[in-house]
Amino acid sequence: MPHVLVTGPTRSGKSAFAETLAAQTDLPVTYVATARASADDPEWQARIDRHRRDRPDTWKTLEEPLELAAVLEGAEGDRCYLIDSLGTWVANWIEAEDSEWDARTRRFLDALSITPATVIMVAEEVGWGVVPAYPLGRTFRDRLGLLAQDVGAIAARVYLVAAGYAIDLKQYGQAVR
């Protein structure tokens, strides 16, 4: 299976759909978790714990909040890597200067382009609401939106998941850039 991007709003079913796609590859799966555990945020920790419990025992979990490019650079060609999520990865680098962020995304996209592994990525859709009132919110929205476009250009399939349904955007849509 070639690379896949699964995007959509909060609680749309995108992670569950991505997990189904990963299971359908019949490859060993490495789940790449970008979230950072936080003892100060019990609700966030509960979400992380739920995701851990819901994953098949046969899947390997790699917690990597920062170095996604390195994961792909060392990826095995006979595995499926499920990255959940690109939005959390962007948030983890939100305070990086633009030049550092640009270098990190370029390295990630280059690694994605050449990895022999199958990669399924989950990304949140954050730009459908009002323009954030604060600069950091606008930076997050802009960085994630541009990253999703770049990943979508590389991926063979791009799914939008909303209200529990998935639409293959590459099948029914038209590239805008």
N, C-alpha and C. Protein backbone atom coordinates (compact mmCIF):
# COMPACT_ATOMS: atom_id res chain seq x y z
N MET A 1 0.85 -1.19 0.00
CA MET A 1 0.00 0.00 0.00
C MET A 1 0.89 1.24 0.00
N PRO A 2 0.63 2.16 -0.91
CA PRO A 2 1.38 3.41 -0.91
C PRO A 2 0.96 4.30 0.26
N HIS A 3 1.64 5.42 0.42
CA HIS A 3 1.38 6.34 1.53
C HIS A 3 -0.05 6.87 1.48
N VAL A 4 -0.59 7.12 2.69
CA VAL A 4 -1.97 7.59 2.83
C VAL A 4 -2.01 8.71 3.86
N LEU A 5 -2.78 9.76 3.57
CA LEU A 5 -3.07 10.82 4.52
C LEU A 5 -4.55 10.72 4.87
N VAL A 6 -4.83 10.72 6.18
CA VAL A 6 -6.21 10.72 6.67
C VAL A 6 -6.39 12.00 7.46
N THR A 7 -7.30 12.85 7.01
CA THR A 7 -7.51 14.13 7.66
C THR A 7 -8.98 14.31 8.00
N GLY A 8 -9.24 15.19 8.93
CA GLY A 8 -10.62 15.47 9.31
C GLY A 8 -10.67 16.20 10.63
N PRO A 9 -11.87 16.59 11.03
CA PRO A 9 -12.04 17.32 12.29
C PRO A 9 -11.96 16.41 13.51
N THR A 10 -11.99 17.02 14.66
CA THR A 10 -11.96 16.32 15.93
C THR A 10 -13.14 15.35 16.03
N ARG A 11 -12.86 14.17 16.55
CA ARG A 11 -13.88 13.14 16.81
C ARG A 11 -14.63 12.70 15.55
N SER A 12 -13.97 12.79 14.41
CA SER A 12 -14.61 12.41 13.15
C SER A 12 -14.48 10.92 12.85
N GLY A 13 -13.52 10.26 13.50
CA GLY A 13 -13.24 8.86 13.23
C GLY A 13 -11.96 8.65 12.43
N LYS A 14 -11.17 9.72 12.26
CA LYS A 14 -9.98 9.62 11.41
C LYS A 14 -8.94 8.65 11.96
N SER A 15 -8.70 8.63 13.27
CA SER A 15 -7.71 7.70 13.83
C SER A 15 -8.17 6.26 13.68
N ALA A 16 -9.45 6.01 13.96
CA ALA A 16 -9.98 4.65 13.81
C ALA A 16 -9.90 4.19 12.36
N PHE A 17 -10.20 5.09 11.43
CA PHE A 17 -10.12 4.76 10.01
C PHE A 17 -8.67 4.46 9.62
N ALA A 18 -7.74 5.29 10.08
CA ALA A 18 -6.32 5.06 9.78
C ALA A 18 -5.86 3.72 10.35
N GLU A 19 -6.31 3.38 11.54
CA GLU A 19 -5.95 2.10 12.14
C GLU A 19 -6.51 0.93 11.32
N THR A 20 -7.71 1.08 10.80
CA THR A 20 -8.30 0.05 9.94
C THR A 20 -7.46 -0.12 8.67
N LEU A 21 -7.06 1.00 8.07
CA LEU A 21 -6.22 0.92 6.87
C LEU A 21 -4.90 0.23 7.17
N ALA A 22 -4.30 0.55 8.33
CA ALA A 22 -3.03 -0.08 8.71
C ALA A 22 -3.21 -1.59 8.86
N ALA A 23 -4.28 -1.99 9.51
CA ALA A 23 -4.53 -3.43 9.70
C ALA A 23 -4.74 -4.13 8.37
N GLN A 24 -5.33 -3.45 7.41
CA GLN A 24 -5.61 -4.03 6.09
C GLN A 24 -4.36 -4.22 5.24
N THR A 25 -3.24 -3.62 5.64
CA THR A 25 -2.02 -3.78 4.84
C THR A 25 -1.44 -5.18 4.97
N ASP A 26 -1.80 -5.91 6.02
CA ASP A 26 -1.22 -7.23 6.32
C ASP A 26 0.28 -7.15 6.57
N LEU A 27 0.77 -5.95 6.89
CA LEU A 27 2.17 -5.76 7.26
C LEU A 27 2.26 -5.60 8.77
N PRO A 28 3.43 -5.88 9.34
CA PRO A 28 3.62 -5.52 10.75
C PRO A 28 3.48 -4.00 10.88
N VAL A 29 2.81 -3.55 11.94
CA VAL A 29 2.52 -2.13 12.10
C VAL A 29 3.32 -1.54 13.25
N THR A 30 3.93 -0.39 12.97
CA THR A 30 4.54 0.44 14.01
C THR A 30 3.69 1.68 14.14
N TYR A 31 3.10 1.85 15.31
CA TYR A 31 2.27 3.01 15.60
C TYR A 31 3.19 4.09 16.15
N VAL A 32 3.30 5.22 15.45
CA VAL A 32 4.18 6.31 15.85
C VAL A 32 3.31 7.37 16.52
N ALA A 33 3.41 7.44 17.84
CA ALA A 33 2.62 8.37 18.64
C ALA A 33 3.40 9.66 18.83
N THR A 34 2.81 10.77 18.43
CA THR A 34 3.49 12.06 18.55
C THR A 34 3.11 12.80 19.83
N ALA A 35 2.11 12.30 20.54
CA ALA A 35 1.65 12.98 21.76
C ALA A 35 2.65 12.77 22.90
N ARG A 36 2.74 13.80 23.73
CA ARG A 36 3.56 13.72 24.93
C ARG A 36 2.65 13.48 26.12
N ALA A 37 3.00 12.50 26.92
CA ALA A 37 2.23 12.24 28.15
C ALA A 37 2.39 13.42 29.09
N SER A 38 1.34 13.70 29.87
CA SER A 38 1.39 14.82 30.81
C SER A 38 0.67 14.46 32.09
N ALA A 39 1.43 14.35 33.17
CA ALA A 39 0.84 14.06 34.47
C ALA A 39 -0.02 15.23 34.95
N ASP A 40 0.23 16.43 34.41
CA ASP A 40 -0.53 17.62 34.80
C ASP A 40 -1.88 17.73 34.09
N ASP A 41 -2.13 16.85 33.14
CA ASP A 41 -3.37 16.92 32.36
C ASP A 41 -4.01 15.54 32.33
N PRO A 42 -4.81 15.21 33.33
CA PRO A 42 -5.39 13.87 33.42
C PRO A 42 -6.29 13.51 32.24
N GLU A 43 -7.00 14.48 31.69
CA GLU A 43 -7.88 14.19 30.55
C GLU A 43 -7.04 13.79 29.34
N TRP A 44 -5.95 14.51 29.09
CA TRP A 44 -5.05 14.18 27.98
C TRP A 44 -4.42 12.80 28.20
N GLN A 45 -3.99 12.54 29.41
CA GLN A 45 -3.39 11.24 29.73
C GLN A 45 -4.41 10.11 29.52
N ALA A 46 -5.67 10.36 29.87
CA ALA A 46 -6.71 9.35 29.66
C ALA A 46 -6.89 9.06 28.17
N ARG A 47 -6.82 10.09 27.34
CA ARG A 47 -6.91 9.88 25.89
C ARG A 47 -5.75 9.01 25.39
N ILE A 48 -4.55 9.33 25.85
CA ILE A 48 -3.37 8.55 25.45
C ILE A 48 -3.53 7.10 25.91
N ASP A 49 -3.96 6.91 27.14
CA ASP A 49 -4.15 5.56 27.67
C ASP A 49 -5.20 4.79 26.87
N ARG A 50 -6.29 5.47 26.49
CA ARG A 50 -7.34 4.81 25.70
C ARG A 50 -6.78 4.38 24.35
N HIS A 51 -6.01 5.25 23.70
CA HIS A 51 -5.41 4.89 22.41
C HIS A 51 -4.48 3.69 22.58
N ARG A 52 -3.71 3.66 23.64
CA ARG A 52 -2.80 2.52 23.88
C ARG A 52 -3.59 1.23 24.03
N ARG A 53 -4.67 1.27 24.81
CA ARG A 53 -5.49 0.07 25.05
C ARG A 53 -6.17 -0.42 23.77
N ASP A 54 -6.55 0.52 22.91
CA ASP A 54 -7.31 0.16 21.72
C ASP A 54 -6.45 -0.44 20.61
N ARG A 55 -5.14 -0.24 20.66
CA ARG A 55 -4.27 -0.77 19.62
C ARG A 55 -4.07 -2.27 19.80
N PRO A 56 -3.97 -2.99 18.68
CA PRO A 56 -3.69 -4.43 18.77
C PRO A 56 -2.36 -4.70 19.49
N ASP A 57 -2.32 -5.78 20.25
CA ASP A 57 -1.11 -6.15 20.99
C ASP A 57 0.07 -6.46 20.07
N THR A 58 -0.23 -6.82 18.84
CA THR A 58 0.83 -7.18 17.90
C THR A 58 1.52 -5.95 17.31
N TRP A 59 0.94 -4.77 17.49
CA TRP A 59 1.54 -3.56 16.95
C TRP A 59 2.64 -3.06 17.87
N LYS A 60 3.71 -2.63 17.26
CA LYS A 60 4.79 -1.97 18.00
C LYS A 60 4.41 -0.50 18.15
N THR A 61 4.67 0.06 19.33
CA THR A 61 4.41 1.48 19.55
C THR A 61 5.73 2.21 19.72
N LEU A 62 5.87 3.30 19.00
CA LEU A 62 7.04 4.15 19.09
C LEU A 62 6.56 5.54 19.46
N GLU A 63 6.93 6.01 20.64
CA GLU A 63 6.54 7.35 21.06
C GLU A 63 7.63 8.32 20.62
N GLU A 64 7.29 9.13 19.63
CA GLU A 64 8.27 10.06 19.06
C GLU A 64 7.59 11.40 18.79
N PRO A 65 7.67 12.31 19.75
CA PRO A 65 6.99 13.60 19.59
C PRO A 65 7.72 14.60 18.69
N LEU A 66 8.98 14.36 18.37
CA LEU A 66 9.76 15.39 17.68
C LEU A 66 10.40 14.95 16.37
N GLU A 67 11.02 13.80 16.34
CA GLU A 67 11.90 13.42 15.23
C GLU A 67 11.23 12.46 14.24
N LEU A 68 10.16 12.91 13.59
CA LEU A 68 9.48 12.06 12.62
C LEU A 68 10.34 11.74 11.41
N ALA A 69 11.15 12.68 10.98
CA ALA A 69 12.03 12.41 9.84
C ALA A 69 12.97 11.25 10.14
N ALA A 70 13.54 11.24 11.34
CA ALA A 70 14.46 10.16 11.71
C ALA A 70 13.75 8.81 11.72
N VAL A 71 12.49 8.79 12.14
CA VAL A 71 11.72 7.54 12.11
C VAL A 71 11.62 7.03 10.68
N LEU A 72 11.28 7.91 9.76
CA LEU A 72 11.12 7.49 8.36
C LEU A 72 12.45 7.16 7.72
N GLU A 73 13.50 7.86 8.11
CA GLU A 73 14.82 7.57 7.55
C GLU A 73 15.30 6.18 7.95
N GLY A 74 14.86 5.70 9.11
CA GLY A 74 15.24 4.37 9.56
C GLY A 74 14.15 3.33 9.37
N ALA A 75 13.11 3.67 8.64
CA ALA A 75 11.96 2.77 8.49
C ALA A 75 12.29 1.54 7.66
N GLU A 76 11.70 0.44 8.07
CA GLU A 76 11.86 -0.83 7.37
C GLU A 76 10.81 -0.91 6.26
N GLY A 77 11.23 -1.37 5.08
CA GLY A 77 10.34 -1.42 3.93
C GLY A 77 9.21 -2.42 4.05
N ASP A 78 9.34 -3.39 4.91
CA ASP A 78 8.30 -4.41 5.04
C ASP A 78 7.40 -4.14 6.25
N ARG A 79 7.24 -2.88 6.61
CA ARG A 79 6.38 -2.47 7.74
C ARG A 79 5.46 -1.35 7.30
N CYS A 80 4.38 -1.20 8.05
CA CYS A 80 3.50 -0.06 7.93
C CYS A 80 3.72 0.82 9.15
N TYR A 81 3.92 2.10 8.92
CA TYR A 81 4.08 3.07 10.00
C TYR A 81 2.84 3.96 10.02
N LEU A 82 2.16 3.97 11.14
CA LEU A 82 0.98 4.80 11.32
C LEU A 82 1.35 5.97 12.23
N ILE A 83 1.38 7.17 11.67
CA ILE A 83 1.76 8.36 12.43
C ILE A 83 0.49 9.08 12.87
N ASP A 84 0.30 9.17 14.18
CA ASP A 84 -0.89 9.82 14.74
C ASP A 84 -0.44 10.76 15.85
N SER A 85 -0.33 12.04 15.61
CA SER A 85 -0.84 12.76 14.47
C SER A 85 0.13 13.87 14.07
N LEU A 86 -0.06 14.34 12.84
CA LEU A 86 0.78 15.44 12.36
C LEU A 86 0.46 16.74 13.09
N GLY A 87 -0.79 16.93 13.48
CA GLY A 87 -1.16 18.13 14.23
C GLY A 87 -0.45 18.22 15.57
N THR A 88 -0.34 17.10 16.24
CA THR A 88 0.38 17.09 17.53
C THR A 88 1.85 17.34 17.30
N TRP A 89 2.40 16.79 16.22
CA TRP A 89 3.81 17.04 15.88
C TRP A 89 4.03 18.53 15.63
N VAL A 90 3.13 19.16 14.89
CA VAL A 90 3.23 20.61 14.65
C VAL A 90 3.18 21.35 15.98
N ALA A 91 2.26 20.96 16.85
CA ALA A 91 2.14 21.63 18.16
C ALA A 91 3.42 21.48 18.98
N ASN A 92 4.07 20.32 18.86
CA ASN A 92 5.30 20.09 19.61
C ASN A 92 6.43 21.00 19.15
N TRP A 93 6.35 21.50 17.92
CA TRP A 93 7.37 22.39 17.36
C TRP A 93 6.86 23.82 17.19
N ILE A 94 5.75 24.16 17.81
CA ILE A 94 5.10 25.44 17.55
C ILE A 94 5.98 26.64 17.88
N GLU A 95 6.88 26.51 18.81
CA GLU A 95 7.73 27.65 19.18
C GLU A 95 9.01 27.73 18.36
N ALA A 96 9.20 26.81 17.43
CA ALA A 96 10.38 26.86 16.57
C ALA A 96 10.30 28.05 15.63
N GLU A 97 11.45 28.66 15.37
CA GLU A 97 11.51 29.74 14.39
C GLU A 97 11.12 29.19 13.02
N ASP A 98 10.63 30.06 12.16
CA ASP A 98 10.19 29.63 10.83
C ASP A 98 11.28 28.87 10.08
N SER A 99 12.52 29.35 10.17
CA SER A 99 13.61 28.69 9.44
C SER A 99 13.84 27.27 9.95
N GLU A 100 13.77 27.08 11.26
CA GLU A 100 13.92 25.73 11.82
C GLU A 100 12.75 24.85 11.43
N TRP A 101 11.54 25.39 11.51
CA TRP A 101 10.35 24.61 11.13
C TRP A 101 10.43 24.22 9.66
N ASP A 102 10.82 25.15 8.80
CA ASP A 102 10.93 24.85 7.38
C ASP A 102 11.95 23.73 7.13
N ALA A 103 13.07 23.76 7.82
CA ALA A 103 14.08 22.71 7.66
C ALA A 103 13.55 21.36 8.15
N ARG A 104 12.83 21.36 9.26
CA ARG A 104 12.28 20.11 9.79
C ARG A 104 11.24 19.51 8.86
N THR A 105 10.36 20.37 8.34
CA THR A 105 9.34 19.83 7.44
C THR A 105 9.96 19.35 6.14
N ARG A 106 10.97 20.07 5.63
CA ARG A 106 11.63 19.63 4.39
C ARG A 106 12.27 18.26 4.61
N ARG A 107 12.94 18.08 5.74
CA ARG A 107 13.57 16.79 6.03
C ARG A 107 12.51 15.69 6.13
N PHE A 108 11.39 15.99 6.80
CA PHE A 108 10.31 15.01 6.93
C PHE A 108 9.74 14.65 5.56
N LEU A 109 9.46 15.65 4.74
CA LEU A 109 8.89 15.39 3.42
C LEU A 109 9.86 14.63 2.53
N ASP A 110 11.15 14.97 2.61
CA ASP A 110 12.15 14.23 1.84
C ASP A 110 12.20 12.77 2.28
N ALA A 111 12.17 12.53 3.58
CA ALA A 111 12.20 11.16 4.10
C ALA A 111 10.94 10.41 3.69
N LEU A 112 9.80 11.08 3.75
CA LEU A 112 8.54 10.44 3.33
C LEU A 112 8.59 10.06 1.86
N SER A 113 9.18 10.92 1.05
CA SER A 113 9.24 10.68 -0.40
C SER A 113 10.06 9.45 -0.77
N ILE A 114 11.06 9.12 0.06
CA ILE A 114 11.96 8.02 -0.33
C ILE A 114 11.87 6.78 0.55
N THR A 115 11.11 6.84 1.62
CA THR A 115 11.07 5.66 2.49
C THR A 115 10.45 4.47 1.77
N PRO A 116 11.01 3.28 1.97
CA PRO A 116 10.42 2.10 1.36
C PRO A 116 9.21 1.57 2.12
N ALA A 117 8.96 2.11 3.30
CA ALA A 117 7.85 1.65 4.13
C ALA A 117 6.53 2.23 3.65
N THR A 118 5.45 1.60 4.04
CA THR A 118 4.11 2.15 3.87
C THR A 118 3.86 3.08 5.05
N VAL A 119 3.42 4.30 4.79
CA VAL A 119 3.20 5.28 5.85
C VAL A 119 1.76 5.80 5.76
N ILE A 120 1.04 5.68 6.86
CA ILE A 120 -0.31 6.23 6.98
C ILE A 120 -0.23 7.33 8.03
N MET A 121 -0.69 8.53 7.65
CA MET A 121 -0.58 9.68 8.55
C MET A 121 -1.94 10.26 8.85
N VAL A 122 -2.14 10.66 10.10
CA VAL A 122 -3.38 11.31 10.53
C VAL A 122 -3.06 12.79 10.73
N ALA A 123 -3.93 13.65 10.21
CA ALA A 123 -3.77 15.10 10.38
C ALA A 123 -5.13 15.72 10.67
N GLU A 124 -5.14 16.65 11.58
CA GLU A 124 -6.36 17.35 11.92
C GLU A 124 -6.64 18.46 10.93
N GLU A 125 -7.91 18.73 10.68
CA GLU A 125 -8.33 19.88 9.88
C GLU A 125 -8.67 20.99 10.85
N VAL A 126 -7.92 22.08 10.81
CA VAL A 126 -8.13 23.16 11.77
C VAL A 126 -8.51 24.48 11.12
N GLY A 127 -8.53 24.56 9.84
CA GLY A 127 -8.74 25.84 9.18
C GLY A 127 -10.16 26.13 8.73
N TRP A 128 -11.15 25.38 9.21
CA TRP A 128 -12.52 25.57 8.75
C TRP A 128 -13.30 26.55 9.62
N GLY A 129 -12.69 27.02 10.69
CA GLY A 129 -13.37 27.95 11.59
C GLY A 129 -12.88 29.36 11.39
N VAL A 130 -13.09 30.15 12.39
CA VAL A 130 -12.64 31.54 12.35
C VAL A 130 -11.11 31.60 12.41
N VAL A 131 -10.57 32.70 11.93
CA VAL A 131 -9.13 32.92 12.02
C VAL A 131 -8.79 33.09 13.50
N PRO A 132 -7.82 32.32 14.01
CA PRO A 132 -7.47 32.46 15.43
C PRO A 132 -7.12 33.91 15.79
N ALA A 133 -7.51 34.30 16.98
CA ALA A 133 -7.32 35.68 17.43
C ALA A 133 -5.91 35.96 17.92
N TYR A 134 -5.10 34.93 18.03
CA TYR A 134 -3.76 35.12 18.58
C TYR A 134 -2.72 34.54 17.61
N PRO A 135 -1.51 35.13 17.60
CA PRO A 135 -0.49 34.74 16.61
C PRO A 135 -0.11 33.26 16.66
N LEU A 136 0.03 32.68 17.84
CA LEU A 136 0.44 31.28 17.93
C LEU A 136 -0.61 30.36 17.30
N GLY A 137 -1.88 30.69 17.48
CA GLY A 137 -2.96 29.92 16.86
C GLY A 137 -2.91 30.00 15.34
N ARG A 138 -2.62 31.19 14.83
CA ARG A 138 -2.51 31.36 13.38
C ARG A 138 -1.30 30.60 12.84
N THR A 139 -0.20 30.63 13.58
CA THR A 139 1.00 29.89 13.16
C THR A 139 0.69 28.39 13.09
N PHE A 140 0.03 27.87 14.11
CA PHE A 140 -0.32 26.45 14.13
C PHE A 140 -1.20 26.10 12.93
N ARG A 141 -2.26 26.87 12.74
CA ARG A 141 -3.19 26.60 11.64
C ARG A 141 -2.47 26.64 10.30
N ASP A 142 -1.63 27.64 10.10
CA ASP A 142 -0.93 27.79 8.82
C ASP A 142 0.08 26.67 8.60
N ARG A 143 0.84 26.35 9.62
CA ARG A 143 1.84 25.28 9.46
C ARG A 143 1.19 23.94 9.19
N LEU A 144 0.14 23.62 9.92
CA LEU A 144 -0.51 22.32 9.72
C LEU A 144 -1.20 22.28 8.36
N GLY A 145 -1.84 23.36 7.96
CA GLY A 145 -2.50 23.38 6.66
C GLY A 145 -1.53 23.19 5.51
N LEU A 146 -0.40 23.88 5.56
CA LEU A 146 0.61 23.74 4.51
C LEU A 146 1.25 22.35 4.53
N LEU A 147 1.51 21.83 5.72
CA LEU A 147 2.08 20.48 5.83
C LEU A 147 1.13 19.45 5.24
N ALA A 148 -0.15 19.56 5.54
CA ALA A 148 -1.13 18.62 5.01
C ALA A 148 -1.17 18.68 3.48
N GLN A 149 -1.06 19.88 2.91
CA GLN A 149 -1.03 19.98 1.45
C GLN A 149 0.20 19.29 0.88
N ASP A 150 1.36 19.50 1.51
CA ASP A 150 2.60 18.88 1.03
C ASP A 150 2.55 17.37 1.16
N VAL A 151 2.05 16.88 2.29
CA VAL A 151 1.93 15.43 2.49
C VAL A 151 0.92 14.86 1.50
N GLY A 152 -0.19 15.57 1.31
CA GLY A 152 -1.20 15.11 0.37
C GLY A 152 -0.67 14.98 -1.05
N ALA A 153 0.25 15.85 -1.43
CA ALA A 153 0.85 15.78 -2.76
C ALA A 153 1.70 14.52 -2.92
N ILE A 154 2.29 14.06 -1.84
CA ILE A 154 3.14 12.86 -1.87
C ILE A 154 2.30 11.59 -1.75
N ALA A 155 1.27 11.63 -0.93
CA ALA A 155 0.46 10.44 -0.65
C ALA A 155 -0.30 9.98 -1.89
N ALA A 156 -0.45 8.68 -2.01
CA ALA A 156 -1.22 8.12 -3.12
C ALA A 156 -2.72 8.29 -2.88
N ARG A 157 -3.12 8.27 -1.61
CA ARG A 157 -4.52 8.45 -1.26
C ARG A 157 -4.63 9.47 -0.14
N VAL A 158 -5.65 10.29 -0.22
CA VAL A 158 -5.93 11.28 0.81
C VAL A 158 -7.41 11.16 1.16
N TYR A 159 -7.68 10.83 2.40
CA TYR A 159 -9.05 10.68 2.85
C TYR A 159 -9.45 11.83 3.76
N LEU A 160 -10.64 12.36 3.55
CA LEU A 160 -11.26 13.28 4.47
C LEU A 160 -12.30 12.47 5.24
N VAL A 161 -12.21 12.48 6.56
CA VAL A 161 -13.16 11.76 7.40
C VAL A 161 -13.98 12.78 8.16
N ALA A 162 -15.29 12.67 8.03
CA ALA A 162 -16.21 13.56 8.74
C ALA A 162 -17.44 12.76 9.14
N ALA A 163 -17.88 12.93 10.37
CA ALA A 163 -19.10 12.28 10.88
C ALA A 163 -19.05 10.76 10.68
N GLY A 164 -17.84 10.20 10.76
CA GLY A 164 -17.70 8.75 10.67
C GLY A 164 -17.65 8.18 9.26
N TYR A 165 -17.53 9.04 8.25
CA TYR A 165 -17.45 8.59 6.87
C TYR A 165 -16.19 9.14 6.22
N ALA A 166 -15.59 8.32 5.35
CA ALA A 166 -14.36 8.71 4.68
C ALA A 166 -14.61 8.89 3.19
N ILE A 167 -14.04 9.95 2.64
CA ILE A 167 -14.09 10.23 1.21
C ILE A 167 -12.66 10.29 0.71
N ASP A 168 -12.36 9.59 -0.38
CA ASP A 168 -11.04 9.62 -0.99
C ASP A 168 -10.95 10.88 -1.86
N LEU A 169 -10.24 11.89 -1.36
CA LEU A 169 -10.16 13.17 -2.05
C LEU A 169 -9.40 13.08 -3.37
N LYS A 170 -8.43 12.20 -3.45
CA LYS A 170 -7.67 12.09 -4.70
C LYS A 170 -8.53 11.44 -5.79
N GLN A 171 -9.47 10.59 -5.39
CA GLN A 171 -10.34 9.95 -6.36
C GLN A 171 -11.40 10.93 -6.88
N TYR A 172 -11.94 11.75 -5.99
CA TYR A 172 -13.05 12.62 -6.36
C TYR A 172 -12.66 14.09 -6.49
N GLY A 173 -11.48 14.45 -6.02
CA GLY A 173 -11.10 15.86 -6.02
C GLY A 173 -10.11 16.20 -7.11
N GLN A 174 -9.71 17.46 -7.11
CA GLN A 174 -8.74 17.97 -8.06
C GLN A 174 -7.69 18.74 -7.29
N ALA A 175 -6.42 18.51 -7.58
CA ALA A 175 -5.34 19.23 -6.91
C ALA A 175 -5.45 20.72 -7.22
N VAL A 176 -5.18 21.54 -6.21
CA VAL A 176 -5.26 22.98 -6.40
C VAL A 176 -3.90 23.63 -6.57
N ARG A 177 -2.86 22.87 -6.34
CA ARG A 177 -1.51 23.43 -6.57
C ARG A 177 -0.59 22.35 -7.04
